Amino acid sequence: MFLSRSISLAAATTLFFSACAPSTSIKKKQSTTVDVTEKVTSKYTGPKRRIGVVAFENKAPYAQARIGQTATDIIITELTKTGKFIVVERDKMDKILEEQKLGQSGVVDPATAAQVGKVLGLNAILTGSISQFGVKTEGKDFIVSQSKQQIVECTVDIRAVDTETGQVLYADSGKGLVRKGSGKILGMGNQSKYDETLEGEALRAAIVQFMDNLVSQINRKPWSCRVAAVEDGSVYLNAGQESGLELGQKLTIFSQGKEIKDPSTGLVIGKTEKQIGSLKVSSYFGDDGSIATVTSGQTPSPGYLVRLAD
């Protein structure tokens, strides 16, 4: 009899503290947009792309100012974790954008994208915003117990802009939802205050939702780098070991001419190109540069476009 009561008391105690203990759930929600961005899979395994991330704009009326910066930090972390990109340091991006009189607005037009891409050697620029952000508390009161849930919900919009043309390569949005519950029984239990870490968890849930597709969409465009300098028969490129460019890699050189514009919209859709020769990577230099030799055709000039040979 005594043993039976002890077991019952232990079970009740366990149930009591389980009911009082805080719990957190994180969900990725289906975003509501006019059209869902087509999901693609890229088999790209070549050199890394150079990407810059503009500080995300906080458009949510009641969100703290820090939310935009938090979202920027999260997406930089997630991009770096893929191992497929070289993400330019945020301070370098901020400096160039400030020089372009863009500041922290989070808006990148075609001309600015091309200029920033040229200065920093970027293949793409990511820009985005937090369009919705809400925090609320829900609770229930019973005779002997109370329960409370902190809820954070957000929507993050993103765009990837091609630095060659200024065109939007990819646009999407993700929604994140985080709930943290706590409770009391007979006045005992957890008295939870607002947990600011829920903000980051909701933002991460939203960003992770479109992350795989973002990576694949950016990698659909052929990889390229630029000729940085030419001296004594050696061609210096602005991509090297850190970018994953291998020694012995064969490359093709292109000279670019006038811009080609869409007759309907007037937007630049590319430039005329002419293949002038071939290169072979022979060594590395600096933080992320390589030296190549001309194997056929003409010697390029600084600024010429270089792609992987077919």
C-alpha atoms as a PDB file:
ATOM      1  CA  MET A   1       0.000   0.000   0.000  1.00  0.00           C
ATOM      2  CA  PHE A   2       2.768   2.385   0.944  1.00  0.00           C
ATOM      3  CA  LEU A   3       4.659   1.517  -2.255  1.00  0.00           C
ATOM      4  CA  SER A   4       1.555   2.175  -4.356  1.00  0.00           C
ATOM      5  CA  ARG A   5       1.059   5.619  -2.780  1.00  0.00           C
ATOM      6  CA  SER A   6       4.737   6.500  -3.297  1.00  0.00           C
ATOM      7  CA  ILE A   7       4.529   5.612  -6.978  1.00  0.00           C
ATOM      8  CA  SER A   8       1.334   7.635  -7.377  1.00  0.00           C
ATOM      9  CA  LEU A   9       2.933  10.634  -5.626  1.00  0.00           C
ATOM     10  CA  ALA A  10       6.029  10.431  -7.856  1.00  0.00           C
ATOM     11  CA  ALA A  11       3.879  10.274 -10.972  1.00  0.00           C
ATOM     12  CA  ALA A  12       1.824  13.258  -9.863  1.00  0.00           C
ATOM     13  CA  THR A  13       4.957  15.244  -9.062  1.00  0.00           C
ATOM     14  CA  THR A  14       6.409  14.485 -12.481  1.00  0.00           C
ATOM     15  CA  LEU A  15       3.169  15.539 -14.175  1.00  0.00           C
ATOM     16  CA  PHE A  16       3.049  18.723 -12.107  1.00  0.00           C
ATOM     17  CA  PHE A  17       6.531  19.907 -13.045  1.00  0.00           C
ATOM     18  CA  SER A  18       6.051  18.847 -16.675  1.00  0.00           C
ATOM     19  CA  ALA A  19       3.001  21.051 -16.878  1.00  0.00           C
ATOM     20  CA  CYS A  20       4.894  23.969 -15.369  1.00  0.00           C
ATOM     21  CA  ALA A  21       8.068  23.620 -17.480  1.00  0.00           C
ATOM     22  CA  PRO A  22       8.400  25.973 -20.448  1.00  0.00           C
ATOM     23  CA  SER A  23       8.322  24.464 -23.955  1.00  0.00           C
ATOM     24  CA  THR A  24       9.229  25.950 -27.337  1.00  0.00           C
ATOM     25  CA  SER A  25       8.031  24.965 -30.816  1.00  0.00           C
ATOM     26  CA  ILE A  26       9.340  26.361 -34.096  1.00  0.00           C
ATOM     27  CA  LYS A  27       7.488  26.130 -37.422  1.00  0.00           C
ATOM     28  CA  LYS A  28       8.194  27.115 -40.998  1.00  0.00           C
ATOM     29  CA  LYS A  29       4.921  28.339 -42.494  1.00  0.00           C
ATOM     30  CA  GLN A  30       3.900  28.428 -46.139  1.00  0.00           C
ATOM     31  CA  SER A  31       4.270  32.024 -47.295  1.00  0.00           C
ATOM     32  CA  THR A  32       1.307  33.722 -48.935  1.00  0.00           C
ATOM     33  CA  THR A  33       2.265  35.213 -52.307  1.00  0.00           C
ATOM     34  CA  VAL A  34       0.670  35.567 -55.730  1.00  0.00           C
ATOM     35  CA  ASP A  35       2.773  32.749 -57.166  1.00  0.00           C
ATOM     36  CA  VAL A  36       5.039  30.256 -55.489  1.00  0.00           C
ATOM     37  CA  THR A  37       8.600  30.471 -56.822  1.00  0.00           C
ATOM     38  CA  GLU A  38       9.468  27.383 -58.866  1.00  0.00           C
ATOM     39  CA  LYS A  39      11.696  24.991 -56.973  1.00  0.00           C
ATOM     40  CA  VAL A  40      14.879  24.085 -58.821  1.00  0.00           C
ATOM     41  CA  THR A  41      17.815  21.834 -58.047  1.00  0.00           C
ATOM     42  CA  SER A  42      21.327  22.852 -59.061  1.00  0.00           C
ATOM     43  CA  LYS A  43      24.065  20.246 -59.498  1.00  0.00           C
ATOM     44  CA  TYR A  44      26.685  22.972 -59.429  1.00  0.00           C
ATOM     45  CA  THR A  45      29.971  21.810 -57.880  1.00  0.00           C
ATOM     46  CA  GLY A  46      32.469  24.292 -59.337  1.00  0.00           C
ATOM     47  CA  PRO A  47      34.151  27.366 -57.814  1.00  0.00           C
ATOM     48  CA  LYS A  48      32.377  29.471 -55.211  1.00  0.00           C
ATOM     49  CA  ARG A  49      30.368  32.569 -56.078  1.00  0.00           C
ATOM     50  CA  ARG A  50      31.151  35.918 -54.453  1.00  0.00           C
ATOM     51  CA  ILE A  51      28.034  37.375 -52.869  1.00  0.00           C
ATOM     52  CA  GLY A  52      27.306  40.566 -50.982  1.00  0.00           C
ATOM     53  CA  VAL A  53      24.398  40.984 -48.566  1.00  0.00           C
ATOM     54  CA  VAL A  54      22.771  44.375 -48.103  1.00  0.00           C
ATOM     55  CA  ALA A  55      21.375  45.040 -44.626  1.00  0.00           C
ATOM     56  CA  PHE A  56      17.745  43.913 -44.618  1.00  0.00           C
ATOM     57  CA  GLU A  57      15.154  46.654 -44.313  1.00  0.00           C
ATOM     58  CA  ASN A  58      12.715  46.515 -41.406  1.00  0.00           C
ATOM     59  CA  LYS A  59       9.284  47.357 -42.863  1.00  0.00           C
ATOM     60  CA  ALA A  60       7.249  45.905 -40.005  1.00  0.00           C
ATOM     61  CA  PRO A  61       5.694  48.866 -38.134  1.00  0.00           C
ATOM     62  CA  TYR A  62       6.009  47.484 -34.604  1.00  0.00           C
ATOM     63  CA  ALA A  63       9.287  45.559 -34.831  1.00  0.00           C
ATOM     64  CA  GLN A  64      12.468  46.673 -33.091  1.00  0.00           C
ATOM     65  CA  ALA A  65      15.151  48.264 -35.272  1.00  0.00           C
ATOM     66  CA  ARG A  66      17.526  45.374 -34.529  1.00  0.00           C
ATOM     67  CA  ILE A  67      15.317  42.909 -36.439  1.00  0.00           C
ATOM     68  CA  GLY A  68      16.684  43.936 -39.838  1.00  0.00           C
ATOM     69  CA  GLN A  69      20.285  43.446 -38.726  1.00  0.00           C
ATOM     70  CA  THR A  70      19.459  40.126 -37.099  1.00  0.00           C
ATOM     71  CA  ALA A  71      17.966  38.842 -40.357  1.00  0.00           C
ATOM     72  CA  THR A  72      21.080  39.999 -42.248  1.00  0.00           C
ATOM     73  CA  ASP A  73      23.379  38.150 -39.858  1.00  0.00           C
ATOM     74  CA  ILE A  74      21.311  34.968 -40.095  1.00  0.00           C
ATOM     75  CA  ILE A  75      21.335  34.843 -43.890  1.00  0.00           C
ATOM     76  CA  ILE A  76      25.093  35.511 -44.005  1.00  0.00           C
ATOM     77  CA  THR A  77      25.590  32.585 -41.618  1.00  0.00           C
ATOM     78  CA  GLU A  78      23.325  30.285 -43.635  1.00  0.00           C
ATOM     79  CA  LEU A  79      25.027  31.195 -46.937  1.00  0.00           C
ATOM     80  CA  THR A  80      28.471  30.568 -45.466  1.00  0.00           C
ATOM     81  CA  LYS A  81      27.386  27.193 -44.062  1.00  0.00           C
ATOM     82  CA  THR A  82      26.507  25.930 -47.569  1.00  0.00           C
ATOM     83  CA  GLY A  83      30.204  26.066 -48.552  1.00  0.00           C
ATOM     84  CA  LYS A  84      29.187  27.324 -52.008  1.00  0.00           C
ATOM     85  CA  PHE A  85      29.785  31.048 -51.565  1.00  0.00           C
ATOM     86  CA  ILE A  86      32.319  33.623 -50.490  1.00  0.00           C
ATOM     87  CA  VAL A  87      30.254  36.170 -48.593  1.00  0.00           C
ATOM     88  CA  VAL A  88      31.807  39.629 -48.603  1.00  0.00           C
ATOM     89  CA  GLU A  89      32.196  41.125 -45.136  1.00  0.00           C
ATOM     90  CA  ARG A  90      29.321  43.356 -44.122  1.00  0.00           C
ATOM     91  CA  ASP A  91      31.550  46.323 -43.321  1.00  0.00           C
ATOM     92  CA  LYS A  92      32.918  46.330 -46.895  1.00  0.00           C
ATOM     93  CA  MET A  93      29.380  46.286 -48.294  1.00  0.00           C
ATOM     94  CA  ASP A  94      28.297  49.094 -45.959  1.00  0.00           C
ATOM     95  CA  LYS A  95      31.282  51.234 -46.969  1.00  0.00           C
ATOM     96  CA  ILE A  96      30.658  50.875 -50.698  1.00  0.00           C
ATOM     97  CA  LEU A  97      26.908  51.415 -50.321  1.00  0.00           C
ATOM     98  CA  GLU A  98      27.548  54.528 -48.260  1.00  0.00           C
ATOM     99  CA  GLU A  99      29.875  55.833 -50.966  1.00  0.00           C
ATOM    100  CA  GLN A 100      27.072  55.193 -53.472  1.00  0.00           C
ATOM    101  CA  LYS A 101      24.727  57.250 -51.272  1.00  0.00           C
ATOM    102  CA  LEU A 102      22.619  54.143 -50.645  1.00  0.00           C
ATOM    103  CA  GLY A 103      23.331  53.775 -46.937  1.00  0.00           C
ATOM    104  CA  GLN A 104      21.230  51.188 -45.132  1.00  0.00           C
ATOM    105  CA  SER A 105      18.058  51.584 -47.210  1.00  0.00           C
ATOM    106  CA  GLY A 106      18.142  47.975 -48.418  1.00  0.00           C
ATOM    107  CA  VAL A 107      17.218  49.039 -51.958  1.00  0.00           C
ATOM    108  CA  VAL A 108      19.488  48.084 -54.848  1.00  0.00           C
ATOM    109  CA  ASP A 109      18.710  49.376 -58.340  1.00  0.00           C
ATOM    110  CA  PRO A 110      20.378  47.914 -61.493  1.00  0.00           C
ATOM    111  CA  ALA A 111      22.993  50.661 -61.780  1.00  0.00           C
ATOM    112  CA  THR A 112      24.008  50.386 -58.132  1.00  0.00           C
ATOM    113  CA  ALA A 113      24.149  46.586 -58.297  1.00  0.00           C
ATOM    114  CA  ALA A 114      26.467  46.712 -61.297  1.00  0.00           C
ATOM    115  CA  GLN A 115      28.709  49.342 -59.685  1.00  0.00           C
ATOM    116  CA  VAL A 116      29.010  47.563 -56.346  1.00  0.00           C
ATOM    117  CA  GLY A 117      29.571  44.254 -58.117  1.00  0.00           C
ATOM    118  CA  LYS A 118      32.391  45.737 -60.161  1.00  0.00           C
ATOM    119  CA  VAL A 119      34.131  47.293 -57.154  1.00  0.00           C
ATOM    120  CA  LEU A 120      33.933  44.178 -54.966  1.00  0.00           C
ATOM    121  CA  GLY A 121      34.051  41.529 -57.691  1.00  0.00           C
ATOM    122  CA  LEU A 122      30.619  40.160 -56.791  1.00  0.00           C
ATOM    123  CA  ASN A 123      28.500  37.755 -58.804  1.00  0.00           C
ATOM    124  CA  ALA A 124      25.273  38.651 -56.992  1.00  0.00           C
ATOM    125  CA  ILE A 125      23.859  40.913 -54.310  1.00  0.00           C
ATOM    126  CA  LEU A 126      21.170  39.839 -51.846  1.00  0.00           C
ATOM    127  CA  THR A 127      18.698  42.359 -50.558  1.00  0.00           C
ATOM    128  CA  GLY A 128      15.542  41.883 -48.562  1.00  0.00           C
ATOM    129  CA  SER A 129      13.175  43.059 -45.884  1.00  0.00           C
ATOM    130  CA  ILE A 130      11.102  41.967 -42.920  1.00  0.00           C
ATOM    131  CA  SER A 131       7.624  42.768 -44.187  1.00  0.00           C
ATOM    132  CA  GLN A 132       5.704  41.374 -41.206  1.00  0.00           C
ATOM    133  CA  PHE A 133       6.690  40.871 -37.590  1.00  0.00           C
ATOM    134  CA  GLY A 134       4.391  40.328 -34.662  1.00  0.00           C
ATOM    135  CA  VAL A 135       4.651  39.347 -30.992  1.00  0.00           C
ATOM    136  CA  LYS A 136       1.700  38.315 -28.873  1.00  0.00           C
ATOM    137  CA  THR A 137       0.833  36.398 -25.718  1.00  0.00           C
ATOM    138  CA  GLU A 138      -2.039  33.961 -25.372  1.00  0.00           C
ATOM    139  CA  GLY A 139      -3.157  32.389 -22.100  1.00  0.00           C
ATOM    140  CA  LYS A 140      -5.781  30.240 -20.429  1.00  0.00           C
ATOM    141  CA  ASP A 141      -6.942  30.297 -16.811  1.00  0.00           C
ATOM    142  CA  PHE A 142      -8.457  27.299 -15.066  1.00  0.00           C
ATOM    143  CA  ILE A 143      -9.455  26.754 -11.429  1.00  0.00           C
ATOM    144  CA  VAL A 144      -6.086  25.389 -10.352  1.00  0.00           C
ATOM    145  CA  SER A 145      -3.822  26.169 -13.293  1.00  0.00           C
ATOM    146  CA  GLN A 146      -2.717  28.843 -15.721  1.00  0.00           C
ATOM    147  CA  SER A 147      -0.980  28.524 -19.095  1.00  0.00           C
ATOM    148  CA  LYS A 148       0.668  31.169 -21.262  1.00  0.00           C
ATOM    149  CA  GLN A 149       2.201  31.146 -24.738  1.00  0.00           C
ATOM    150  CA  GLN A 150       4.579  33.704 -26.206  1.00  0.00           C
ATOM    151  CA  ILE A 151       4.147  33.767 -29.999  1.00  0.00           C
ATOM    152  CA  VAL A 152       6.470  35.405 -32.534  1.00  0.00           C
ATOM    153  CA  GLU A 153       5.531  35.361 -36.229  1.00  0.00           C
ATOM    154  CA  CYS A 154       7.372  36.985 -39.143  1.00  0.00           C
ATOM    155  CA  THR A 155       7.640  37.176 -42.938  1.00  0.00           C
ATOM    156  CA  VAL A 156      10.997  37.715 -44.662  1.00  0.00           C
ATOM    157  CA  ASP A 157      11.232  38.738 -48.336  1.00  0.00           C
ATOM    158  CA  ILE A 158      14.437  38.310 -50.352  1.00  0.00           C
ATOM    159  CA  ARG A 159      15.808  39.174 -53.785  1.00  0.00           C
ATOM    160  CA  ALA A 160      19.028  38.103 -55.499  1.00  0.00           C
ATOM    161  CA  VAL A 161      20.273  40.679 -58.018  1.00  0.00           C
ATOM    162  CA  ASP A 162      22.676  39.851 -60.856  1.00  0.00           C
ATOM    163  CA  THR A 163      25.569  42.325 -60.708  1.00  0.00           C
ATOM    164  CA  GLU A 164      26.236  42.007 -64.460  1.00  0.00           C
ATOM    165  CA  THR A 165      22.780  43.097 -65.616  1.00  0.00           C
ATOM    166  CA  GLY A 166      20.967  44.333 -62.506  1.00  0.00           C
ATOM    167  CA  GLN A 167      18.211  41.816 -63.147  1.00  0.00           C
ATOM    168  CA  VAL A 168      16.512  39.994 -60.293  1.00  0.00           C
ATOM    169  CA  LEU A 169      17.703  36.383 -60.420  1.00  0.00           C
ATOM    170  CA  TYR A 170      15.414  35.183 -57.664  1.00  0.00           C
ATOM    171  CA  ALA A 171      12.694  36.512 -55.392  1.00  0.00           C
ATOM    172  CA  ASP A 172      10.859  34.679 -52.644  1.00  0.00           C
ATOM    173  CA  SER A 173       9.484  34.959 -49.129  1.00  0.00           C
ATOM    174  CA  GLY A 174       9.335  32.765 -46.046  1.00  0.00           C
ATOM    175  CA  LYS A 175       7.266  32.778 -42.889  1.00  0.00           C
ATOM    176  CA  GLY A 176       8.429  31.690 -39.458  1.00  0.00           C
ATOM    177  CA  LEU A 177       6.412  30.967 -36.334  1.00  0.00           C
ATOM    178  CA  VAL A 178       7.727  30.288 -32.816  1.00  0.00           C
ATOM    179  CA  ARG A 179       5.697  29.442 -29.728  1.00  0.00           C
ATOM    180  CA  LYS A 180       6.991  29.195 -26.165  1.00  0.00           C
ATOM    181  CA  GLY A 181       4.640  27.944 -23.498  1.00  0.00           C
ATOM    182  CA  SER A 182       4.758  28.067 -19.717  1.00  0.00           C
ATOM    183  CA  GLY A 183       2.309  27.291 -16.966  1.00  0.00           C
ATOM    184  CA  LYS A 184       1.398  27.371 -13.278  1.00  0.00           C
ATOM    185  CA  ILE A 185      -0.448  24.907 -11.069  1.00  0.00           C
ATOM    186  CA  LEU A 186      -1.752  26.072  -7.658  1.00  0.00           C
ATOM    187  CA  GLY A 187       0.344  29.235  -8.028  1.00  0.00           C
ATOM    188  CA  MET A 188       3.550  27.321  -8.587  1.00  0.00           C
ATOM    189  CA  GLY A 189       5.505  27.132 -11.824  1.00  0.00           C
ATOM    190  CA  ASN A 190       7.380  29.196 -14.332  1.00  0.00           C
ATOM    191  CA  GLN A 191       6.727  32.941 -14.513  1.00  0.00           C
ATOM    192  CA  SER A 192       8.174  33.569 -18.008  1.00  0.00           C
ATOM    193  CA  LYS A 193       9.130  37.046 -19.115  1.00  0.00           C
ATOM    194  CA  TYR A 194       9.403  37.984 -22.793  1.00  0.00           C
ATOM    195  CA  ASP A 195      12.137  35.897 -24.419  1.00  0.00           C
ATOM    196  CA  GLU A 196      13.996  37.968 -27.034  1.00  0.00           C
ATOM    197  CA  THR A 197      15.698  34.846 -28.439  1.00  0.00           C
ATOM    198  CA  LEU A 198      12.344  33.894 -29.990  1.00  0.00           C
ATOM    199  CA  GLU A 199      12.802  36.741 -32.480  1.00  0.00           C
ATOM    200  CA  GLY A 200      15.950  35.192 -33.943  1.00  0.00           C
ATOM    201  CA  GLU A 201      14.384  31.724 -33.993  1.00  0.00           C
ATOM    202  CA  ALA A 202      11.360  32.987 -35.967  1.00  0.00           C
ATOM    203  CA  LEU A 203      13.568  34.845 -38.442  1.00  0.00           C
ATOM    204  CA  ARG A 204      15.800  31.791 -38.944  1.00  0.00           C
ATOM    205  CA  ALA A 205      12.748  29.577 -39.531  1.00  0.00           C
ATOM    206  CA  ALA A 206      11.543  31.992 -42.222  1.00  0.00           C
ATOM    207  CA  ILE A 207      14.943  32.262 -43.928  1.00  0.00           C
ATOM    208  CA  VAL A 208      15.671  28.527 -43.898  1.00  0.00           C
ATOM    209  CA  GLN A 209      12.385  28.014 -45.731  1.00  0.00           C
ATOM    210  CA  PHE A 210      13.728  29.506 -48.986  1.00  0.00           C
ATOM    211  CA  MET A 211      17.454  28.887 -48.461  1.00  0.00           C
ATOM    212  CA  ASP A 212      17.883  25.743 -50.576  1.00  0.00           C
ATOM    213  CA  ASN A 213      16.058  27.261 -53.517  1.00  0.00           C
ATOM    214  CA  LEU A 214      18.019  30.514 -53.219  1.00  0.00           C
ATOM    215  CA  VAL A 215      21.324  28.617 -53.475  1.00  0.00           C
ATOM    216  CA  SER A 216      20.157  26.629 -56.499  1.00  0.00           C
ATOM    217  CA  GLN A 217      18.742  29.653 -58.328  1.00  0.00           C
ATOM    218  CA  ILE A 218      21.960  31.659 -57.944  1.00  0.00           C
ATOM    219  CA  ASN A 219      24.064  28.715 -59.120  1.00  0.00           C
ATOM    220  CA  ARG A 220      22.042  28.300 -62.325  1.00  0.00           C
ATOM    221  CA  LYS A 221      24.011  31.112 -63.932  1.00  0.00           C
ATOM    222  CA  PRO A 222      27.494  30.106 -65.213  1.00  0.00           C
ATOM    223  CA  TRP A 223      30.343  30.934 -62.826  1.00  0.00           C
ATOM    224  CA  SER A 224      32.686  33.719 -63.887  1.00  0.00           C
ATOM    225  CA  CYS A 225      35.554  35.865 -62.656  1.00  0.00           C
ATOM    226  CA  ARG A 226      37.559  38.797 -64.058  1.00  0.00           C
ATOM    227  CA  VAL A 227      41.063  39.474 -65.256  1.00  0.00           C
ATOM    228  CA  ALA A 228      42.647  41.668 -62.576  1.00  0.00           C
ATOM    229  CA  ALA A 229      46.014  42.330 -64.255  1.00  0.00           C
ATOM    230  CA  VAL A 230      48.324  41.120 -67.018  1.00  0.00           C
ATOM    231  CA  GLU A 231      52.118  41.208 -66.724  1.00  0.00           C
ATOM    232  CA  ASP A 232      54.976  39.402 -68.500  1.00  0.00           C
ATOM    233  CA  GLY A 233      52.663  36.841 -70.051  1.00  0.00           C
ATOM    234  CA  SER A 234      50.926  36.014 -66.746  1.00  0.00           C
ATOM    235  CA  VAL A 235      47.211  36.649 -66.341  1.00  0.00           C
ATOM    236  CA  TYR A 236      46.097  37.491 -62.783  1.00  0.00           C
ATOM    237  CA  LEU A 237      42.504  36.557 -61.902  1.00  0.00           C
ATOM    238  CA  ASN A 238      40.325  37.771 -59.038  1.00  0.00           C
ATOM    239  CA  ALA A 239      39.458  34.202 -57.983  1.00  0.00           C
ATOM    240  CA  GLY A 240      41.795  31.587 -56.563  1.00  0.00           C
ATOM    241  CA  GLN A 241      42.173  28.922 -53.915  1.00  0.00           C
ATOM    242  CA  GLU A 242      39.533  30.270 -51.531  1.00  0.00           C
ATOM    243  CA  SER A 243      37.047  30.353 -54.401  1.00  0.00           C
ATOM    244  CA  GLY A 244      37.788  26.718 -55.145  1.00  0.00           C
ATOM    245  CA  LEU A 245      39.484  27.316 -58.503  1.00  0.00           C
ATOM    246  CA  GLU A 246      41.757  24.311 -59.049  1.00  0.00           C
ATOM    247  CA  LEU A 247      45.281  24.307 -60.449  1.00  0.00           C
ATOM    248  CA  GLY A 248      45.229  23.121 -64.045  1.00  0.00           C
ATOM    249  CA  GLN A 249      41.651  24.367 -64.518  1.00  0.00           C
ATOM    250  CA  LYS A 250      40.965  25.369 -68.130  1.00  0.00           C
ATOM    251  CA  LEU A 251      39.205  28.679 -68.678  1.00  0.00           C
ATOM    252  CA  THR A 252      37.781  30.667 -71.567  1.00  0.00           C
ATOM    253  CA  ILE A 253      38.284  34.421 -72.040  1.00  0.00           C
ATOM    254  CA  PHE A 254      35.596  36.774 -73.352  1.00  0.00           C
ATOM    255  CA  SER A 255      35.678  40.444 -74.281  1.00  0.00           C
ATOM    256  CA  GLN A 256      32.428  42.296 -73.731  1.00  0.00           C
ATOM    257  CA  GLY A 257      30.973  45.047 -75.872  1.00  0.00           C
ATOM    258  CA  LYS A 258      27.842  47.134 -75.784  1.00  0.00           C
ATOM    259  CA  GLU A 259      24.881  46.544 -73.532  1.00  0.00           C
ATOM    260  CA  ILE A 260      21.867  44.690 -74.885  1.00  0.00           C
ATOM    261  CA  LYS A 261      18.536  46.061 -73.698  1.00  0.00           C
ATOM    262  CA  ASP A 262      15.096  44.545 -73.710  1.00  0.00           C
ATOM    263  CA  PRO A 263      13.131  46.534 -76.329  1.00  0.00           C
ATOM    264  CA  SER A 264       9.959  46.302 -74.229  1.00  0.00           C
ATOM    265  CA  THR A 265      11.267  47.285 -70.819  1.00  0.00           C
ATOM    266  CA  GLY A 266      14.547  49.062 -71.594  1.00  0.00           C
ATOM    267  CA  LEU A 267      16.311  46.934 -68.962  1.00  0.00           C
ATOM    268  CA  VAL A 268      19.825  45.644 -69.627  1.00  0.00           C
ATOM    269  CA  ILE A 269      19.675  41.877 -70.252  1.00  0.00           C
ATOM    270  CA  GLY A 270      23.349  41.350 -71.052  1.00  0.00           C
ATOM    271  CA  LYS A 271      26.285  42.457 -73.196  1.00  0.00           C
ATOM    272  CA  THR A 272      27.684  41.381 -76.509  1.00  0.00           C
ATOM    273  CA  GLU A 273      30.524  38.863 -76.061  1.00  0.00           C
ATOM    274  CA  LYS A 274      33.378  37.568 -78.151  1.00  0.00           C
ATOM    275  CA  GLN A 275      35.559  34.613 -77.237  1.00  0.00           C
ATOM    276  CA  ILE A 276      39.195  35.622 -77.641  1.00  0.00           C
ATOM    277  CA  GLY A 277      41.251  32.839 -76.103  1.00  0.00           C
ATOM    278  CA  SER A 278      41.877  30.199 -73.454  1.00  0.00           C
ATOM    279  CA  LEU A 279      43.705  30.062 -70.104  1.00  0.00           C
ATOM    280  CA  LYS A 280      45.073  27.458 -67.721  1.00  0.00           C
ATOM    281  CA  VAL A 281      45.451  28.112 -63.980  1.00  0.00           C
ATOM    282  CA  SER A 282      49.072  27.604 -62.880  1.00  0.00           C
ATOM    283  CA  SER A 283      49.342  29.032 -59.327  1.00  0.00           C
ATOM    284  CA  TYR A 284      47.703  31.098 -56.601  1.00  0.00           C
ATOM    285  CA  PHE A 285      48.476  34.510 -55.108  1.00  0.00           C
ATOM    286  CA  GLY A 286      47.121  36.713 -52.333  1.00  0.00           C
ATOM    287  CA  ASP A 287      43.996  35.974 -50.315  1.00  0.00           C
ATOM    288  CA  ASP A 288      41.954  34.697 -53.236  1.00  0.00           C
ATOM    289  CA  GLY A 289      43.724  35.217 -56.546  1.00  0.00           C
ATOM    290  CA  SER A 290      45.205  32.938 -59.182  1.00  0.00           C
ATOM    291  CA  ILE A 291      47.726  33.206 -62.004  1.00  0.00           C
ATOM    292  CA  ALA A 292      46.981  31.687 -65.396  1.00  0.00           C
ATOM    293  CA  THR A 293      48.826  31.354 -68.695  1.00  0.00           C
ATOM    294  CA  VAL A 294      47.371  31.840 -72.158  1.00  0.00           C
ATOM    295  CA  THR A 295      47.097  28.514 -73.982  1.00  0.00           C
ATOM    296  CA  SER A 296      45.459  29.818 -77.160  1.00  0.00           C
ATOM    297  CA  GLY A 297      44.190  33.024 -78.729  1.00  0.00           C
ATOM    298  CA  GLN A 298      44.843  36.584 -77.590  1.00  0.00           C
ATOM    299  CA  THR A 299      46.203  37.910 -74.315  1.00  0.00           C
ATOM    300  CA  PRO A 300      43.312  39.529 -72.395  1.00  0.00           C
ATOM    301  CA  SER A 301      43.183  42.969 -70.840  1.00  0.00           C
ATOM    302  CA  PRO A 302      42.181  43.787 -67.250  1.00  0.00           C
ATOM    303  CA  GLY A 303      38.436  43.556 -66.792  1.00  0.00           C
ATOM    304  CA  TYR A 304      37.885  40.813 -69.357  1.00  0.00           C
ATOM    305  CA  LEU A 305      35.382  38.111 -68.429  1.00  0.00           C
ATOM    306  CA  VAL A 306      36.600  34.569 -67.678  1.00  0.00           C
ATOM    307  CA  ARG A 307      34.434  31.436 -67.458  1.00  0.00           C
ATOM    308  CA  LEU A 308      35.045  27.727 -66.991  1.00  0.00           C
ATOM    309  CA  ALA A 309      35.878  26.017 -70.276  1.00  0.00           C
ATOM    310  CA  ASP A 310      33.244  23.638 -71.649  1.00  0.00           C
END
